[in-house]
């Protein structure tokens, strides 16, 4: 679940911030061009630290945005919330 996002990401992807907060991150990842297991990423982040990944996101207009995402544990250690920037 996306719990924080900055204005650069919203501008890049073309979504309003309010449309992205609370959204399942997997729902906007282009899985055809980005073979990534989010469960694997989240498991590593839960163990501590952070992780950087290259991901292709589906923009609001349907095109793809090639990005690098930093995954970090949220301020809610028992929740499955993740911030990306």
C-alpha atoms as a PDB file:
ATOM      1  CA  UNK A   1       0.000   0.000   0.000  1.00  0.00           C
ATOM      2  CA  UNK A   2       1.330   3.433  -0.872  1.00  0.00           C
ATOM      3  CA  UNK A   3       1.369   5.618   2.237  1.00  0.00           C
ATOM      4  CA  UNK A   4       3.554   8.522   1.070  1.00  0.00           C
ATOM      5  CA  UNK A   5       4.470   9.970  -2.288  1.00  0.00           C
ATOM      6  CA  UNK A   6       6.119  13.204  -3.320  1.00  0.00           C
ATOM      7  CA  UNK A   7       5.081  15.727  -5.975  1.00  0.00           C
ATOM      8  CA  UNK A   8       7.779  14.590  -8.402  1.00  0.00           C
ATOM      9  CA  UNK A   9       6.259  11.100  -8.550  1.00  0.00           C
ATOM     10  CA  UNK A  10       2.739  12.395  -9.002  1.00  0.00           C
ATOM     11  CA  UNK A  11       3.912  14.679 -11.808  1.00  0.00           C
ATOM     12  CA  UNK A  12       5.847  11.869 -13.482  1.00  0.00           C
ATOM     13  CA  UNK A  13       2.962   9.401 -13.311  1.00  0.00           C
ATOM     14  CA  UNK A  14       0.165  11.894 -13.963  1.00  0.00           C
ATOM     15  CA  UNK A  15      -1.976  10.813 -11.004  1.00  0.00           C
ATOM     16  CA  UNK A  16      -3.285  13.016  -8.227  1.00  0.00           C
ATOM     17  CA  UNK A  17      -1.699  12.311  -4.849  1.00  0.00           C
ATOM     18  CA  UNK A  18      -5.105  11.402  -3.437  1.00  0.00           C
ATOM     19  CA  UNK A  19      -5.512   8.739  -6.157  1.00  0.00           C
ATOM     20  CA  UNK A  20      -2.250   7.026  -5.167  1.00  0.00           C
ATOM     21  CA  UNK A  21      -2.358   7.122  -1.361  1.00  0.00           C
ATOM     22  CA  UNK A  22      -3.801   3.823  -0.153  1.00  0.00           C
ATOM     23  CA  UNK A  23      -3.403   2.169  -3.562  1.00  0.00           C
ATOM     24  CA  UNK A  24      -1.793  -1.250  -3.876  1.00  0.00           C
ATOM     25  CA  UNK A  25       1.600  -0.574  -5.440  1.00  0.00           C
ATOM     26  CA  UNK A  26       1.352  -3.672  -7.636  1.00  0.00           C
ATOM     27  CA  UNK A  27      -1.691  -2.251  -9.405  1.00  0.00           C
ATOM     28  CA  UNK A  28       0.395   0.418 -11.164  1.00  0.00           C
ATOM     29  CA  UNK A  29       3.516  -1.628 -11.951  1.00  0.00           C
ATOM     30  CA  UNK A  30       3.967  -2.802 -15.530  1.00  0.00           C
ATOM     31  CA  UNK A  31       4.647  -6.461 -14.787  1.00  0.00           C
ATOM     32  CA  UNK A  32       5.311  -7.224 -18.470  1.00  0.00           C
ATOM     33  CA  UNK A  33       8.481  -5.157 -18.412  1.00  0.00           C
ATOM     34  CA  UNK A  34       9.336  -5.327 -14.692  1.00  0.00           C
ATOM     35  CA  UNK A  35       9.698  -8.859 -13.376  1.00  0.00           C
ATOM     36  CA  UNK A  36       9.797  -8.111  -9.657  1.00  0.00           C
ATOM     37  CA  UNK A  37       8.427  -9.878  -6.630  1.00  0.00           C
ATOM     38  CA  UNK A  38       7.128  -7.176  -4.320  1.00  0.00           C
ATOM     39  CA  UNK A  39       6.766  -9.759  -1.565  1.00  0.00           C
ATOM     40  CA  UNK A  40      10.498 -10.451  -1.837  1.00  0.00           C
ATOM     41  CA  UNK A  41      11.306  -6.741  -1.700  1.00  0.00           C
ATOM     42  CA  UNK A  42       8.997  -6.172   1.269  1.00  0.00           C
ATOM     43  CA  UNK A  43      10.453  -9.152   3.133  1.00  0.00           C
ATOM     44  CA  UNK A  44      13.942  -7.713   2.791  1.00  0.00           C
ATOM     45  CA  UNK A  45      12.811  -4.272   3.915  1.00  0.00           C
ATOM     46  CA  UNK A  46      10.999  -5.722   6.927  1.00  0.00           C
ATOM     47  CA  UNK A  47      14.323  -7.231   8.010  1.00  0.00           C
ATOM     48  CA  UNK A  48      15.725  -3.725   8.198  1.00  0.00           C
ATOM     49  CA  UNK A  49      17.158  -1.128   5.933  1.00  0.00           C
ATOM     50  CA  UNK A  50      15.902  -0.234   2.508  1.00  0.00           C
ATOM     51  CA  UNK A  51      16.105  -1.429  -1.058  1.00  0.00           C
ATOM     52  CA  UNK A  52      16.409   0.257  -4.440  1.00  0.00           C
ATOM     53  CA  UNK A  53      14.711  -1.266  -7.496  1.00  0.00           C
ATOM     54  CA  UNK A  54      14.140  -0.257 -11.092  1.00  0.00           C
ATOM     55  CA  UNK A  55      10.437  -0.450 -11.833  1.00  0.00           C
ATOM     56  CA  UNK A  56       8.260   0.433 -14.800  1.00  0.00           C
ATOM     57  CA  UNK A  57       5.046   2.117 -13.729  1.00  0.00           C
ATOM     58  CA  UNK A  58       1.840   2.493 -15.689  1.00  0.00           C
ATOM     59  CA  UNK A  59       1.143   6.186 -15.947  1.00  0.00           C
ATOM     60  CA  UNK A  60      -2.343   7.652 -15.730  1.00  0.00           C
ATOM     61  CA  UNK A  61      -2.397   8.021 -19.534  1.00  0.00           C
ATOM     62  CA  UNK A  62      -1.504   4.329 -20.025  1.00  0.00           C
ATOM     63  CA  UNK A  63       2.124   4.833 -21.078  1.00  0.00           C
ATOM     64  CA  UNK A  64       5.092   3.522 -19.088  1.00  0.00           C
ATOM     65  CA  UNK A  65       7.454   5.455 -16.823  1.00  0.00           C
ATOM     66  CA  UNK A  66      10.870   3.894 -16.181  1.00  0.00           C
ATOM     67  CA  UNK A  67      11.892   4.662 -12.594  1.00  0.00           C
ATOM     68  CA  UNK A  68      14.146   3.744  -9.731  1.00  0.00           C
ATOM     69  CA  UNK A  69      12.299   3.295  -6.442  1.00  0.00           C
ATOM     70  CA  UNK A  70      13.627   3.288  -2.897  1.00  0.00           C
ATOM     71  CA  UNK A  71      11.613   1.097  -0.540  1.00  0.00           C
ATOM     72  CA  UNK A  72      11.799   1.883   3.178  1.00  0.00           C
ATOM     73  CA  UNK A  73       9.958   0.675   6.250  1.00  0.00           C
ATOM     74  CA  UNK A  74       7.195   3.020   7.260  1.00  0.00           C
ATOM     75  CA  UNK A  75       6.854   4.690  10.625  1.00  0.00           C
ATOM     76  CA  UNK A  76       4.261   2.019  11.429  1.00  0.00           C
ATOM     77  CA  UNK A  77       6.460  -1.037  12.073  1.00  0.00           C
ATOM     78  CA  UNK A  78       3.601  -3.526  12.355  1.00  0.00           C
ATOM     79  CA  UNK A  79       1.729  -2.355   9.260  1.00  0.00           C
ATOM     80  CA  UNK A  80       2.346  -3.270   5.641  1.00  0.00           C
ATOM     81  CA  UNK A  81       2.858   0.302   4.530  1.00  0.00           C
ATOM     82  CA  UNK A  82       5.661   1.475   2.308  1.00  0.00           C
ATOM     83  CA  UNK A  83       6.946   4.808   1.134  1.00  0.00           C
ATOM     84  CA  UNK A  84       8.522   5.349  -2.244  1.00  0.00           C
ATOM     85  CA  UNK A  85      10.287   8.292  -3.773  1.00  0.00           C
END
